[in-house]
Amino acid sequence: MTDTSACPICSMTDLLESADGHECATCGHEWSTDMSATEPVLEVRDANGTLLQDGDAVTVVKDLKVKGGSSDIKVGTKITGIRLVEGDHDVDAKVGGQSIMLKAKFLKKA
């Protein structure tokens, strides 16, 4: 691998090259090698309006019922290492070893 750039998401340098661009071997993020093609920046804000980023720690501000789960997420639960995604539920996280999608409006940056 001749390119020494780092992943724009996790800053790791374990990159896989393809004809279309790069893929991070650590987090799986893909991006184009064409620098003129820019991806839109995903802007997600918490319940207080603070901008969230991948890897942030957040706290739950409201008791949340988990569909298909046996337990609920209680207010004050701290979640570390979040991942931002596009869609209705914009935060991907692990709570109690279970992967779950959450809405940012029920979280605040810790």
PDB file of N, CA and C in Angstrom:
ATOM      1  N   MET A   1       0.846  -1.167   0.000  1.00  0.00           N
ATOM      2  CA  MET A   1       0.000   0.000   0.000  1.00  0.00           C
ATOM      3  C   MET A   1       0.896   1.236   0.000  1.00  0.00           C
ATOM      4  N   THR A   2       0.714   2.085  -0.993  1.00  0.00           N
ATOM      5  CA  THR A   2       1.559   3.257  -1.121  1.00  0.00           C
ATOM      6  C   THR A   2       0.944   4.494  -0.478  1.00  0.00           C
ATOM      7  N   ASP A   3      -0.371   4.518  -0.304  1.00  0.00           N
ATOM      8  CA  ASP A   3      -1.035   5.674   0.293  1.00  0.00           C
ATOM      9  C   ASP A   3      -0.909   5.600   1.812  1.00  0.00           C
ATOM     10  N   THR A   4      -0.422   6.670   2.425  1.00  0.00           N
ATOM     11  CA  THR A   4      -0.220   6.678   3.869  1.00  0.00           C
ATOM     12  C   THR A   4      -1.290   7.493   4.583  1.00  0.00           C
ATOM     13  N   SER A   5      -2.431   7.709   3.924  1.00  0.00           N
ATOM     14  CA  SER A   5      -3.493   8.479   4.575  1.00  0.00           C
ATOM     15  C   SER A   5      -4.168   7.638   5.663  1.00  0.00           C
ATOM     16  N   ALA A   6      -4.935   8.303   6.493  1.00  0.00           N
ATOM     17  CA  ALA A   6      -5.637   7.637   7.583  1.00  0.00           C
ATOM     18  C   ALA A   6      -7.142   7.727   7.357  1.00  0.00           C
ATOM     19  N   CYS A   7      -7.874   6.870   8.016  1.00  0.00           N
ATOM     20  CA  CYS A   7      -9.335   6.856   7.928  1.00  0.00           C
ATOM     21  C   CYS A   7      -9.884   8.165   8.504  1.00  0.00           C
ATOM     22  N   PRO A   8     -10.806   8.827   7.793  1.00  0.00           N
ATOM     23  CA  PRO A   8     -11.352  10.087   8.313  1.00  0.00           C
ATOM     24  C   PRO A   8     -12.277   9.888   9.511  1.00  0.00           C
ATOM     25  N   ILE A   9     -12.714   8.671   9.766  1.00  0.00           N
ATOM     26  CA  ILE A   9     -13.619   8.403  10.881  1.00  0.00           C
ATOM     27  C   ILE A   9     -12.853   8.025  12.145  1.00  0.00           C
ATOM     28  N   CYS A  10     -11.999   6.993  12.060  1.00  0.00           N
ATOM     29  CA  CYS A  10     -11.333   6.487  13.266  1.00  0.00           C
ATOM     30  C   CYS A  10      -9.840   6.813  13.320  1.00  0.00           C
ATOM     31  N   SER A  11      -9.290   7.420  12.291  1.00  0.00           N
ATOM     32  CA  SER A  11      -7.883   7.838  12.208  1.00  0.00           C
ATOM     33  C   SER A  11      -6.883   6.689  12.179  1.00  0.00           C
ATOM     34  N   MET A  12      -7.346   5.487  11.940  1.00  0.00           N
ATOM     35  CA  MET A  12      -6.439   4.343  11.837  1.00  0.00           C
ATOM     36  C   MET A  12      -5.852   4.309  10.425  1.00  0.00           C
ATOM     37  N   THR A  13      -4.679   3.695  10.277  1.00  0.00           N
ATOM     38  CA  THR A  13      -4.013   3.645   8.976  1.00  0.00           C
ATOM     39  C   THR A  13      -4.095   2.266   8.339  1.00  0.00           C
ATOM     40  N   ASP A  14      -4.916   1.374   8.881  1.00  0.00           N
ATOM     41  CA  ASP A  14      -5.113   0.039   8.293  1.00  0.00           C
ATOM     42  C   ASP A  14      -6.117   0.165   7.151  1.00  0.00           C
ATOM     43  N   LEU A  15      -5.643   0.517   5.954  1.00  0.00           N
ATOM     44  CA  LEU A  15      -6.527   0.776   4.830  1.00  0.00           C
ATOM     45  C   LEU A  15      -6.425  -0.318   3.783  1.00  0.00           C
ATOM     46  N   LEU A  16      -7.563  -0.628   3.177  1.00  0.00           N
ATOM     47  CA  LEU A  16      -7.622  -1.542   2.051  1.00  0.00           C
ATOM     48  C   LEU A  16      -7.920  -0.705   0.819  1.00  0.00           C
ATOM     49  N   GLU A  17      -7.202  -0.966  -0.273  1.00  0.00           N
ATOM     50  CA  GLU A  17      -7.411  -0.203  -1.498  1.00  0.00           C
ATOM     51  C   GLU A  17      -8.236  -1.012  -2.481  1.00  0.00           C
ATOM     52  N   SER A  18      -9.089  -0.310  -3.236  1.00  0.00           N
ATOM     53  CA  SER A  18      -9.855  -0.936  -4.310  1.00  0.00           C
ATOM     54  C   SER A  18      -9.862   0.027  -5.490  1.00  0.00           C
ATOM     55  N   ALA A  19     -10.491  -0.371  -6.569  1.00  0.00           N
ATOM     56  CA  ALA A  19     -10.542   0.488  -7.746  1.00  0.00           C
ATOM     57  C   ALA A  19     -11.369   1.749  -7.477  1.00  0.00           C
ATOM     58  N   ASP A  20     -12.348   1.650  -6.587  1.00  0.00           N
ATOM     59  CA  ASP A  20     -13.231   2.773  -6.297  1.00  0.00           C
ATOM     60  C   ASP A  20     -12.700   3.704  -5.217  1.00  0.00           C
ATOM     61  N   GLY A  21     -11.820   3.217  -4.355  1.00  0.00           N
ATOM     62  CA  GLY A  21     -11.336   4.067  -3.284  1.00  0.00           C
ATOM     63  C   GLY A  21     -10.673   3.277  -2.179  1.00  0.00           C
ATOM     64  N   HIS A  22     -10.923   3.688  -0.945  1.00  0.00           N
ATOM     65  CA  HIS A  22     -10.317   3.071   0.229  1.00  0.00           C
ATOM     66  C   HIS A  22     -11.407   2.526   1.145  1.00  0.00           C
ATOM     67  N   GLU A  23     -11.020   1.532   1.964  1.00  0.00           N
ATOM     68  CA  GLU A  23     -11.880   1.025   3.017  1.00  0.00           C
ATOM     69  C   GLU A  23     -11.017   0.823   4.252  1.00  0.00           C
ATOM     70  N   CYS A  24     -11.517   1.279   5.389  1.00  0.00           N
ATOM     71  CA  CYS A  24     -10.791   1.116   6.642  1.00  0.00           C
ATOM     72  C   CYS A  24     -11.003  -0.307   7.158  1.00  0.00           C
ATOM     73  N   ALA A  25      -9.914  -1.015   7.428  1.00  0.00           N
ATOM     74  CA  ALA A  25     -10.011  -2.381   7.937  1.00  0.00           C
ATOM     75  C   ALA A  25     -10.477  -2.399   9.381  1.00  0.00           C
ATOM     76  N   THR A  26     -10.368  -1.291  10.085  1.00  0.00           N
ATOM     77  CA  THR A  26     -10.761  -1.228  11.491  1.00  0.00           C
ATOM     78  C   THR A  26     -12.254  -0.966  11.660  1.00  0.00           C
ATOM     79  N   CYS A  27     -12.758   0.121  11.052  1.00  0.00           N
ATOM     80  CA  CYS A  27     -14.170   0.489  11.263  1.00  0.00           C
ATOM     81  C   CYS A  27     -15.064   0.208  10.058  1.00  0.00           C
ATOM     82  N   GLY A  28     -14.495  -0.103   8.890  1.00  0.00           N
ATOM     83  CA  GLY A  28     -15.290  -0.434   7.715  1.00  0.00           C
ATOM     84  C   GLY A  28     -15.737   0.765   6.890  1.00  0.00           C
ATOM     85  N   HIS A  29     -15.323   1.965   7.258  1.00  0.00           N
ATOM     86  CA  HIS A  29     -15.706   3.161   6.506  1.00  0.00           C
ATOM     87  C   HIS A  29     -15.085   3.123   5.118  1.00  0.00           C
ATOM     88  N   GLU A  30     -15.888   3.479   4.094  1.00  0.00           N
ATOM     89  CA  GLU A  30     -15.400   3.510   2.716  1.00  0.00           C
ATOM     90  C   GLU A  30     -15.448   4.946   2.204  1.00  0.00           C
ATOM     91  N   TRP A  31     -14.434   5.334   1.417  1.00  0.00           N
ATOM     92  CA  TRP A  31     -14.425   6.650   0.798  1.00  0.00           C
ATOM     93  C   TRP A  31     -13.696   6.586  -0.522  1.00  0.00           C
ATOM     94  N   SER A  32     -13.977   7.575  -1.369  1.00  0.00           N
ATOM     95  CA  SER A  32     -13.437   7.641  -2.715  1.00  0.00           C
ATOM     96  C   SER A  32     -12.010   8.178  -2.686  1.00  0.00           C
ATOM     97  N   THR A  33     -11.189   7.711  -3.632  1.00  0.00           N
ATOM     98  CA  THR A  33      -9.829   8.239  -3.739  1.00  0.00           C
ATOM     99  C   THR A  33      -9.830   9.585  -4.448  1.00  0.00           C
ATOM    100  N   ASP A  34     -10.906   9.896  -5.161  1.00  0.00           N
ATOM    101  CA  ASP A  34     -11.035  11.170  -5.848  1.00  0.00           C
ATOM    102  C   ASP A  34     -11.303  12.258  -4.811  1.00  0.00           C
ATOM    103  N   MET A  35     -10.345  13.138  -4.582  1.00  0.00           N
ATOM    104  CA  MET A  35     -10.470  14.166  -3.557  1.00  0.00           C
ATOM    105  C   MET A  35     -11.521  15.218  -3.913  1.00  0.00           C
ATOM    106  N   SER A  36     -11.893  15.334  -5.203  1.00  0.00           N
ATOM    107  CA  SER A  36     -12.913  16.299  -5.571  1.00  0.00           C
ATOM    108  C   SER A  36     -14.297  15.813  -5.193  1.00  0.00           C
ATOM    109  N   ALA A  37     -14.469  14.509  -5.031  1.00  0.00           N
ATOM    110  CA  ALA A  37     -15.752  13.948  -4.618  1.00  0.00           C
ATOM    111  C   ALA A  37     -15.796  13.942  -3.088  1.00  0.00           C
ATOM    112  N   THR A  38     -16.575  14.844  -2.532  1.00  0.00           N
ATOM    113  CA  THR A  38     -16.657  14.927  -1.076  1.00  0.00           C
ATOM    114  C   THR A  38     -17.975  14.348  -0.601  1.00  0.00           C
ATOM    115  N   GLU A  39     -17.911  13.588   0.474  1.00  0.00           N
ATOM    116  CA  GLU A  39     -19.112  13.033   1.061  1.00  0.00           C
ATOM    117  C   GLU A  39     -19.748  14.096   1.950  1.00  0.00           C
ATOM    118  N   PRO A  40     -21.079  14.143   1.972  1.00  0.00           N
ATOM    119  CA  PRO A  40     -21.703  15.093   2.880  1.00  0.00           C
ATOM    120  C   PRO A  40     -21.415  14.687   4.329  1.00  0.00           C
ATOM    121  N   VAL A  41     -21.148  15.678   5.149  1.00  0.00           N
ATOM    122  CA  VAL A  41     -20.840  15.408   6.547  1.00  0.00           C
ATOM    123  C   VAL A  41     -22.151  15.179   7.292  1.00  0.00           C
ATOM    124  N   LEU A  42     -22.221  14.065   8.018  1.00  0.00           N
ATOM    125  CA  LEU A  42     -23.407  13.735   8.783  1.00  0.00           C
ATOM    126  C   LEU A  42     -23.417  14.572  10.053  1.00  0.00           C
ATOM    127  N   GLU A  43     -24.445  15.376  10.221  1.00  0.00           N
ATOM    128  CA  GLU A  43     -24.537  16.254  11.385  1.00  0.00           C
ATOM    129  C   GLU A  43     -25.671  15.761  12.280  1.00  0.00           C
ATOM    130  N   VAL A  44     -25.301  15.245  13.449  1.00  0.00           N
ATOM    131  CA  VAL A  44     -26.274  14.727  14.404  1.00  0.00           C
ATOM    132  C   VAL A  44     -26.115  15.504  15.703  1.00  0.00           C
ATOM    133  N   ARG A  45     -27.228  15.992  16.239  1.00  0.00           N
ATOM    134  CA  ARG A  45     -27.203  16.773  17.480  1.00  0.00           C
ATOM    135  C   ARG A  45     -27.979  16.034  18.570  1.00  0.00           C
ATOM    136  N   ASP A  46     -27.503  16.167  19.813  1.00  0.00           N
ATOM    137  CA  ASP A  46     -28.150  15.507  20.943  1.00  0.00           C
ATOM    138  C   ASP A  46     -29.346  16.323  21.434  1.00  0.00           C
ATOM    139  N   ALA A  47     -29.915  15.930  22.575  1.00  0.00           N
ATOM    140  CA  ALA A  47     -31.095  16.593  23.129  1.00  0.00           C
ATOM    141  C   ALA A  47     -30.833  18.054  23.472  1.00  0.00           C
ATOM    142  N   ASN A  48     -29.600  18.418  23.756  1.00  0.00           N
ATOM    143  CA  ASN A  48     -29.241  19.795  24.096  1.00  0.00           C
ATOM    144  C   ASN A  48     -28.738  20.598  22.906  1.00  0.00           C
ATOM    145  N   GLY A  49     -28.679  19.986  21.731  1.00  0.00           N
ATOM    146  CA  GLY A  49     -28.208  20.678  20.537  1.00  0.00           C
ATOM    147  C   GLY A  49     -26.708  20.581  20.316  1.00  0.00           C
ATOM    148  N   THR A  50     -26.019  19.788  21.132  1.00  0.00           N
ATOM    149  CA  THR A  50     -24.575  19.613  20.983  1.00  0.00           C
ATOM    150  C   THR A  50     -24.293  18.654  19.832  1.00  0.00           C
ATOM    151  N   LEU A  51     -23.324  18.992  19.007  1.00  0.00           N
ATOM    152  CA  LEU A  51     -22.957  18.169  17.866  1.00  0.00           C
ATOM    153  C   LEU A  51     -22.275  16.884  18.348  1.00  0.00           C
ATOM    154  N   LEU A  52     -22.741  15.732  17.870  1.00  0.00           N
ATOM    155  CA  LEU A  52     -22.164  14.439  18.223  1.00  0.00           C
ATOM    156  C   LEU A  52     -21.217  13.968  17.129  1.00  0.00           C
ATOM    157  N   GLN A  53     -20.218  13.174  17.524  1.00  0.00           N
ATOM    158  CA  GLN A  53     -19.262  12.592  16.586  1.00  0.00           C
ATOM    159  C   GLN A  53     -19.116  11.106  16.894  1.00  0.00           C
ATOM    160  N   ASP A  54     -18.610  10.347  15.921  1.00  0.00           N
ATOM    161  CA  ASP A  54     -18.335   8.935  16.147  1.00  0.00           C
ATOM    162  C   ASP A  54     -17.370   8.780  17.312  1.00  0.00           C
ATOM    163  N   GLY A  55     -17.644   7.819  18.172  1.00  0.00           N
ATOM    164  CA  GLY A  55     -16.767   7.532  19.299  1.00  0.00           C
ATOM    165  C   GLY A  55     -17.091   8.302  20.564  1.00  0.00           C
ATOM    166  N   ASP A  56     -18.047   9.229  20.518  1.00  0.00           N
ATOM    167  CA  ASP A  56     -18.416   9.998  21.697  1.00  0.00           C
ATOM    168  C   ASP A  56     -19.066   9.111  22.756  1.00  0.00           C
ATOM    169  N   ALA A  57     -19.054   9.598  23.986  1.00  0.00           N
ATOM    170  CA  ALA A  57     -19.793   8.975  25.080  1.00  0.00           C
ATOM    171  C   ALA A  57     -21.045   9.804  25.312  1.00  0.00           C
ATOM    172  N   VAL A  58     -22.177   9.144  25.506  1.00  0.00           N
ATOM    173  CA  VAL A  58     -23.447   9.836  25.712  1.00  0.00           C
ATOM    174  C   VAL A  58     -24.161   9.239  26.921  1.00  0.00           C
ATOM    175  N   THR A  59     -25.150   9.983  27.414  1.00  0.00           N
ATOM    176  CA  THR A  59     -25.973   9.549  28.528  1.00  0.00           C
ATOM    177  C   THR A  59     -27.430   9.608  28.089  1.00  0.00           C
ATOM    178  N   VAL A  60     -28.218   8.618  28.485  1.00  0.00           N
ATOM    179  CA  VAL A  60     -29.633   8.557  28.138  1.00  0.00           C
ATOM    180  C   VAL A  60     -30.396   9.538  29.027  1.00  0.00           C
ATOM    181  N   VAL A  61     -31.283  10.366  28.434  1.00  0.00           N
ATOM    182  CA  VAL A  61     -32.009  11.386  29.191  1.00  0.00           C
ATOM    183  C   VAL A  61     -33.450  10.970  29.508  1.00  0.00           C
ATOM    184  N   LYS A  62     -33.882   9.801  29.035  1.00  0.00           N
ATOM    185  CA  LYS A  62     -35.247   9.344  29.250  1.00  0.00           C
ATOM    186  C   LYS A  62     -35.250   7.821  29.265  1.00  0.00           C
ATOM    187  N   ASP A  63     -36.096   7.204  30.110  1.00  0.00           N
ATOM    188  CA  ASP A  63     -36.228   5.752  30.083  1.00  0.00           C
ATOM    189  C   ASP A  63     -36.715   5.332  28.698  1.00  0.00           C
ATOM    190  N   LEU A  64     -36.035   4.342  28.109  1.00  0.00           N
ATOM    191  CA  LEU A  64     -36.379   3.890  26.764  1.00  0.00           C
ATOM    192  C   LEU A  64     -36.788   2.426  26.796  1.00  0.00           C
ATOM    193  N   LYS A  65     -37.924   2.117  26.174  1.00  0.00           N
ATOM    194  CA  LYS A  65     -38.351   0.732  26.052  1.00  0.00           C
ATOM    195  C   LYS A  65     -37.689   0.138  24.829  1.00  0.00           C
ATOM    196  N   VAL A  66     -37.167  -1.063  24.967  1.00  0.00           N
ATOM    197  CA  VAL A  66     -36.469  -1.733  23.876  1.00  0.00           C
ATOM    198  C   VAL A  66     -37.417  -2.747  23.254  1.00  0.00           C
ATOM    199  N   LYS A  67     -37.729  -2.562  21.986  1.00  0.00           N
ATOM    200  CA  LYS A  67     -38.590  -3.519  21.296  1.00  0.00           C
ATOM    201  C   LYS A  67     -37.821  -4.812  21.063  1.00  0.00           C
ATOM    202  N   GLY A  68     -38.423  -5.919  21.410  1.00  0.00           N
ATOM    203  CA  GLY A  68     -37.793  -7.214  21.209  1.00  0.00           C
ATOM    204  C   GLY A  68     -36.753  -7.541  22.260  1.00  0.00           C
ATOM    205  N   GLY A  69     -36.607  -6.699  23.237  1.00  0.00           N
ATOM    206  CA  GLY A  69     -35.630  -6.924  24.300  1.00  0.00           C
ATOM    207  C   GLY A  69     -36.320  -7.196  25.623  1.00  0.00           C
ATOM    208  N   SER A  70     -35.608  -7.805  26.529  1.00  0.00           N
ATOM    209  CA  SER A  70     -36.205  -8.148  27.810  1.00  0.00           C
ATOM    210  C   SER A  70     -36.058  -7.035  28.843  1.00  0.00           C
ATOM    211  N   SER A  71     -35.180  -6.080  28.592  1.00  0.00           N
ATOM    212  CA  SER A  71     -34.976  -5.014  29.568  1.00  0.00           C
ATOM    213  C   SER A  71     -35.053  -3.651  28.893  1.00  0.00           C
ATOM    214  N   ASP A  72     -35.299  -2.645  29.702  1.00  0.00           N
ATOM    215  CA  ASP A  72     -35.359  -1.275  29.215  1.00  0.00           C
ATOM    216  C   ASP A  72     -34.025  -0.586  29.487  1.00  0.00           C
ATOM    217  N   ILE A  73     -33.822   0.567  28.838  1.00  0.00           N
ATOM    218  CA  ILE A  73     -32.636   1.381  29.089  1.00  0.00           C
ATOM    219  C   ILE A  73     -33.073   2.502  30.016  1.00  0.00           C
ATOM    220  N   LYS A  74     -32.476   2.562  31.185  1.00  0.00           N
ATOM    221  CA  LYS A  74     -32.865   3.529  32.214  1.00  0.00           C
ATOM    222  C   LYS A  74     -32.195   4.882  31.991  1.00  0.00           C
ATOM    223  N   VAL A  75     -32.845   5.940  32.469  1.00  0.00           N
ATOM    224  CA  VAL A  75     -32.292   7.278  32.402  1.00  0.00           C
ATOM    225  C   VAL A  75     -30.962   7.302  33.156  1.00  0.00           C
ATOM    226  N   GLY A  76     -29.970   7.992  32.593  1.00  0.00           N
ATOM    227  CA  GLY A  76     -28.657   8.078  33.211  1.00  0.00           C
ATOM    228  C   GLY A  76     -27.672   7.026  32.751  1.00  0.00           C
ATOM    229  N   THR A  77     -28.119   6.066  31.936  1.00  0.00           N
ATOM    230  CA  THR A  77     -27.226   5.027  31.427  1.00  0.00           C
ATOM    231  C   THR A  77     -26.182   5.666  30.515  1.00  0.00           C
ATOM    232  N   LYS A  78     -24.907   5.391  30.788  1.00  0.00           N
ATOM    233  CA  LYS A  78     -23.826   5.944  29.973  1.00  0.00           C
ATOM    234  C   LYS A  78     -23.477   4.949  28.871  1.00  0.00           C
ATOM    235  N   ILE A  79     -23.379   5.452  27.654  1.00  0.00           N
ATOM    236  CA  ILE A  79     -23.052   4.642  26.483  1.00  0.00           C
ATOM    237  C   ILE A  79     -21.782   5.224  25.875  1.00  0.00           C
ATOM    238  N   THR A  80     -20.771   4.391  25.676  1.00  0.00           N
ATOM    239  CA  THR A  80     -19.507   4.865  25.110  1.00  0.00           C
ATOM    240  C   THR A  80     -19.316   4.315  23.703  1.00  0.00           C
ATOM    241  N   GLY A  81     -18.526   5.017  22.925  1.00  0.00           N
ATOM    242  CA  GLY A  81     -18.158   4.552  21.586  1.00  0.00           C
ATOM    243  C   GLY A  81     -19.315   4.470  20.617  1.00  0.00           C
ATOM    244  N   ILE A  82     -20.112   5.532  20.524  1.00  0.00           N
ATOM    245  CA  ILE A  82     -21.246   5.510  19.607  1.00  0.00           C
ATOM    246  C   ILE A  82     -20.775   5.630  18.164  1.00  0.00           C
ATOM    247  N   ARG A  83     -21.635   5.248  17.251  1.00  0.00           N
ATOM    248  CA  ARG A  83     -21.359   5.377  15.821  1.00  0.00           C
ATOM    249  C   ARG A  83     -22.559   6.055  15.178  1.00  0.00           C
ATOM    250  N   LEU A  84     -22.331   7.102  14.421  1.00  0.00           N
ATOM    251  CA  LEU A  84     -23.403   7.836  13.766  1.00  0.00           C
ATOM    252  C   LEU A  84     -23.730   7.204  12.432  1.00  0.00           C
ATOM    253  N   VAL A  85     -25.023   7.065  12.153  1.00  0.00           N
ATOM    254  CA  VAL A  85     -25.492   6.471  10.903  1.00  0.00           C
ATOM    255  C   VAL A  85     -26.628   7.328  10.358  1.00  0.00           C
ATOM    256  N   GLU A  86     -26.920   7.161   9.096  1.00  0.00           N
ATOM    257  CA  GLU A  86     -28.031   7.878   8.486  1.00  0.00           C
ATOM    258  C   GLU A  86     -29.316   7.115   8.729  1.00  0.00           C
ATOM    259  N   GLY A  87     -30.414   7.845   8.796  1.00  0.00           N
ATOM    260  CA  GLY A  87     -31.710   7.209   8.968  1.00  0.00           C
ATOM    261  C   GLY A  87     -32.489   7.805  10.121  1.00  0.00           C
ATOM    262  N   ASP A  88     -33.636   7.191  10.424  1.00  0.00           N
ATOM    263  CA  ASP A  88     -34.513   7.658  11.486  1.00  0.00           C
ATOM    264  C   ASP A  88     -33.839   7.551  12.848  1.00  0.00           C
ATOM    265  N   HIS A  89     -33.216   6.421  13.108  1.00  0.00           N
ATOM    266  CA  HIS A  89     -32.444   6.218  14.332  1.00  0.00           C
ATOM    267  C   HIS A  89     -30.987   6.466  13.961  1.00  0.00           C
ATOM    268  N   ASP A  90     -30.420   7.571  14.437  1.00  0.00           N
ATOM    269  CA  ASP A  90     -29.134   8.016  13.926  1.00  0.00           C
ATOM    270  C   ASP A  90     -27.924   7.662  14.768  1.00  0.00           C
ATOM    271  N   VAL A  91     -28.101   6.877  15.830  1.00  0.00           N
ATOM    272  CA  VAL A  91     -26.973   6.473  16.660  1.00  0.00           C
ATOM    273  C   VAL A  91     -26.980   4.953  16.800  1.00  0.00           C
ATOM    274  N   ASP A  92     -25.850   4.343  16.473  1.00  0.00           N
ATOM    275  CA  ASP A  92     -25.662   2.902  16.634  1.00  0.00           C
ATOM    276  C   ASP A  92     -24.755   2.712  17.839  1.00  0.00           C
ATOM    277  N   ALA A  93     -25.186   1.882  18.793  1.00  0.00           N
ATOM    278  CA  ALA A  93     -24.410   1.714  20.026  1.00  0.00           C
ATOM    279  C   ALA A  93     -24.614   0.316  20.591  1.00  0.00           C
ATOM    280  N   LYS A  94     -23.776  -0.023  21.563  1.00  0.00           N
ATOM    281  CA  LYS A  94     -23.930  -1.276  22.295  1.00  0.00           C
ATOM    282  C   LYS A  94     -24.293  -0.939  23.736  1.00  0.00           C
ATOM    283  N   VAL A  95     -25.402  -1.519  24.192  1.00  0.00           N
ATOM    284  CA  VAL A  95     -25.870  -1.321  25.556  1.00  0.00           C
ATOM    285  C   VAL A  95     -26.025  -2.700  26.184  1.00  0.00           C
ATOM    286  N   GLY A  96     -25.247  -2.965  27.202  1.00  0.00           N
ATOM    287  CA  GLY A  96     -25.321  -4.258  27.867  1.00  0.00           C
ATOM    288  C   GLY A  96     -24.968  -5.411  26.946  1.00  0.00           C
ATOM    289  N   GLY A  97     -24.052  -5.187  26.018  1.00  0.00           N
ATOM    290  CA  GLY A  97     -23.625  -6.222  25.084  1.00  0.00           C
ATOM    291  C   GLY A  97     -24.563  -6.424  23.910  1.00  0.00           C
ATOM    292  N   GLN A  98     -25.648  -5.662  23.849  1.00  0.00           N
ATOM    293  CA  GLN A  98     -26.622  -5.774  22.768  1.00  0.00           C
ATOM    294  C   GLN A  98     -26.503  -4.565  21.846  1.00  0.00           C
ATOM    295  N   SER A  99     -26.378  -4.801  20.546  1.00  0.00           N
ATOM    296  CA  SER A  99     -26.305  -3.712  19.580  1.00  0.00           C
ATOM    297  C   SER A  99     -27.703  -3.121  19.408  1.00  0.00           C
ATOM    298  N   ILE A 100     -27.779  -1.791  19.447  1.00  0.00           N
ATOM    299  CA  ILE A 100     -29.077  -1.129  19.408  1.00  0.00           C
ATOM    300  C   ILE A 100     -28.964   0.192  18.649  1.00  0.00           C
ATOM    301  N   MET A 101     -30.041   0.581  17.991  1.00  0.00           N
ATOM    302  CA  MET A 101     -30.123   1.856  17.287  1.00  0.00           C
ATOM    303  C   MET A 101     -30.969   2.810  18.126  1.00  0.00           C
ATOM    304  N   LEU A 102     -30.464   4.037  18.315  1.00  0.00           N
ATOM    305  CA  LEU A 102     -31.143   5.024  19.151  1.00  0.00           C
ATOM    306  C   LEU A 102     -31.318   6.331  18.399  1.00  0.00           C
ATOM    307  N   LYS A 103     -32.287   7.133  18.849  1.00  0.00           N
ATOM    308  CA  LYS A 103     -32.452   8.473  18.318  1.00  0.00           C
ATOM    309  C   LYS A 103     -31.645   9.429  19.185  1.00  0.00           C
ATOM    310  N   ALA A 104     -30.966  10.359  18.555  1.00  0.00           N
ATOM    311  CA  ALA A 104     -30.105  11.294  19.262  1.00  0.00           C
ATOM    312  C   ALA A 104     -30.882  12.223  20.176  1.00  0.00           C
ATOM    313  N   LYS A 105     -32.157  12.431  19.926  1.00  0.00           N
ATOM    314  CA  LYS A 105     -32.938  13.331  20.771  1.00  0.00           C
ATOM    315  C   LYS A 105     -33.158  12.792  22.176  1.00  0.00           C
ATOM    316  N   PHE A 106     -32.849  11.515  22.416  1.00  0.00           N
ATOM    317  CA  PHE A 106     -32.961  10.925  23.746  1.00  0.00           C
ATOM    318  C   PHE A 106     -31.597  10.767  24.426  1.00  0.00           C
ATOM    319  N   LEU A 107     -30.566  11.413  23.861  1.00  0.00           N
ATOM    320  CA  LEU A 107     -29.213  11.294  24.396  1.00  0.00           C
ATOM    321  C   LEU A 107     -28.629  12.681  24.639  1.00  0.00           C
ATOM    322  N   LYS A 108     -27.663  12.751  25.556  1.00  0.00           N
ATOM    323  CA  LYS A 108     -26.884  13.976  25.711  1.00  0.00           C
ATOM    324  C   LYS A 108     -25.418  13.583  25.803  1.00  0.00           C
ATOM    325  N   LYS A 109     -24.564  14.434  25.271  1.00  0.00           N
ATOM    326  CA  LYS A 109     -23.124  14.166  25.263  1.00  0.00           C
ATOM    327  C   LYS A 109     -22.601  14.168  26.689  1.00  0.00           C
ATOM    328  N   ALA A 110     -21.821  13.128  27.023  1.00  0.00           N
ATOM    329  CA  ALA A 110     -21.301  13.005  28.394  1.00  0.00           C
ATOM    330  C   ALA A 110     -20.032  13.798  28.566  1.00  0.00           C
TER     331      ALA A 110
END
